[in-house]
Amino acid sequence: MDASRRQSGIQQLLAAEQEAQQIVNAARAAKSARLRQAKEEAEREIAEYRQQMEAEFQKKVAESSGDSGANVKRLEQETAAKIEQLNQQAASISPEVIQMLLRHVTTVKN
């Protein structure tokens, strides 16, 4: 009876090992499938993004290679607006900067 019990126990262990191996193999296959799917999705997203960026680039090239006189005028207007904005910002903080500089220049440290 002991021998048959041992044999039965060994058979159960072998069956459990085979079942565990099947579970591991199924998990590996599922992981591989998920990785393959993720890679395909990433490649699709990259292709879409590349297409979008290419379209934007082509649009900008078309805009910039259009009427160069209009582009120069537009750039001059944008530059003037930026310069005006920077002048306004400088004027708004100028008193504070002057006060700070005067405070540091007139403070004597021993």
Protein backbone atom coordinates (compact mmCIF):
# COMPACT_ATOMS: atom_id res chain seq x y z
CA MET A 1 0.00 0.00 0.00
CA ASP A 2 2.86 2.39 0.77
CA ALA A 3 4.42 1.86 -2.63
CA SER A 4 1.19 2.58 -4.44
CA ARG A 5 0.66 5.69 -2.31
CA ARG A 6 4.15 6.94 -3.09
CA GLN A 7 3.61 6.20 -6.75
CA SER A 8 0.30 8.08 -6.61
CA GLY A 9 1.97 11.00 -4.83
CA ILE A 10 4.72 11.12 -7.44
CA GLN A 11 2.13 11.04 -10.20
CA GLN A 12 0.29 13.92 -8.55
CA LEU A 13 3.51 15.92 -8.25
CA LEU A 14 4.31 15.29 -11.92
CA ALA A 15 0.81 16.32 -12.94
CA ALA A 16 1.03 19.46 -10.80
CA GLU A 17 4.42 20.29 -12.32
CA GLN A 18 3.05 19.86 -15.83
CA GLU A 19 0.06 22.03 -14.99
CA ALA A 20 2.33 24.72 -13.52
CA GLN A 21 4.50 24.59 -16.64
CA GLN A 22 1.41 25.05 -18.81
CA ILE A 23 0.34 28.03 -16.71
CA VAL A 24 3.82 29.58 -16.99
CA ASN A 25 3.86 28.98 -20.75
CA ALA A 26 0.41 30.53 -21.13
CA ALA A 27 1.52 33.57 -19.09
CA ARG A 28 4.64 33.95 -21.24
CA ALA A 29 2.57 33.73 -24.40
CA ALA A 30 0.09 36.31 -23.08
CA LYS A 31 2.94 38.64 -22.07
CA SER A 32 4.52 38.26 -25.48
CA ALA A 33 1.19 39.01 -27.16
CA ARG A 34 0.70 42.12 -24.97
CA LEU A 35 4.20 43.35 -25.78
CA ARG A 36 3.64 42.78 -29.49
CA GLN A 37 0.32 44.64 -29.31
CA ALA A 38 1.88 47.52 -27.37
CA LYS A 39 4.69 47.76 -29.90
CA GLU A 40 2.22 47.86 -32.79
CA GLU A 41 0.15 50.56 -31.06
CA ALA A 42 3.27 52.60 -30.36
CA GLU A 43 4.36 52.31 -33.99
CA ARG A 44 0.91 53.46 -35.13
CA GLU A 45 1.00 56.42 -32.76
CA ILE A 46 4.50 57.33 -33.94
CA ALA A 47 3.39 57.14 -37.56
CA GLU A 48 0.37 59.36 -36.84
CA TYR A 49 2.51 61.87 -34.95
CA ARG A 50 5.13 61.89 -37.69
CA GLN A 51 2.41 62.46 -40.29
CA GLN A 52 0.93 65.31 -38.23
CA MET A 53 4.35 66.95 -37.75
CA GLU A 54 5.12 66.56 -41.46
CA ALA A 55 1.80 68.19 -42.36
CA GLU A 56 2.51 71.11 -40.01
CA PHE A 57 6.02 71.46 -41.43
CA GLN A 58 4.71 71.46 -45.00
CA LYS A 59 2.12 74.07 -44.02
CA LYS A 60 4.79 76.32 -42.50
CA VAL A 61 7.02 75.84 -45.54
CA ALA A 62 4.12 76.77 -47.80
CA GLU A 63 3.35 79.85 -45.68
CA SER A 64 6.95 80.99 -45.56
CA SER A 65 7.65 80.41 -49.22
CA GLY A 66 4.53 82.28 -50.28
CA ASP A 67 4.62 86.04 -50.68
CA SER A 68 8.00 87.04 -49.23
CA GLY A 69 7.02 90.72 -49.05
CA ALA A 70 4.09 89.86 -46.83
CA ASN A 71 6.34 87.66 -44.69
CA VAL A 72 8.85 90.46 -44.22
CA LYS A 73 6.08 92.87 -43.26
CA ARG A 74 4.57 90.33 -40.86
CA LEU A 75 7.96 89.67 -39.25
CA GLU A 76 8.60 93.40 -38.88
CA GLN A 77 5.23 93.84 -37.18
CA GLU A 78 5.86 90.90 -34.85
CA THR A 79 9.32 92.21 -34.02
CA ALA A 80 8.01 95.70 -33.31
CA ALA A 81 5.30 94.25 -31.07
CA LYS A 82 7.85 92.17 -29.14
CA ILE A 83 10.18 95.15 -28.73
CA GLU A 84 7.29 97.28 -27.44
CA GLN A 85 6.30 94.53 -25.01
CA LEU A 86 9.89 94.23 -23.71
CA ASN A 87 10.13 98.02 -23.33
CA GLN A 88 6.91 98.07 -21.30
CA GLN A 89 8.14 95.26 -19.08
CA ALA A 90 11.48 96.99 -18.57
CA ALA A 91 9.75 100.28 -17.74
CA SER A 92 7.50 98.59 -15.19
CA ILE A 93 10.36 97.03 -13.21
CA SER A 94 12.94 99.77 -13.75
CA PRO A 95 12.20 101.69 -10.49
CA GLU A 96 12.52 98.49 -8.45
CA VAL A 97 15.84 97.62 -10.09
CA ILE A 98 17.19 101.13 -9.51
CA GLN A 99 16.19 101.00 -5.83
CA MET A 100 17.80 97.59 -5.41
CA LEU A 101 21.03 98.75 -7.06
CA LEU A 102 21.14 101.90 -4.94
CA ARG A 103 20.53 99.90 -1.78
CA HIS A 104 23.40 97.52 -2.59
CA VAL A 105 25.77 100.26 -3.68
CA THR A 106 25.16 102.47 -0.67
CA THR A 107 25.29 99.69 1.93
CA VAL A 108 28.70 99.40 3.56
CA LYS A 109 29.73 96.10 5.06
CA ASN A 110 32.60 95.83 7.54
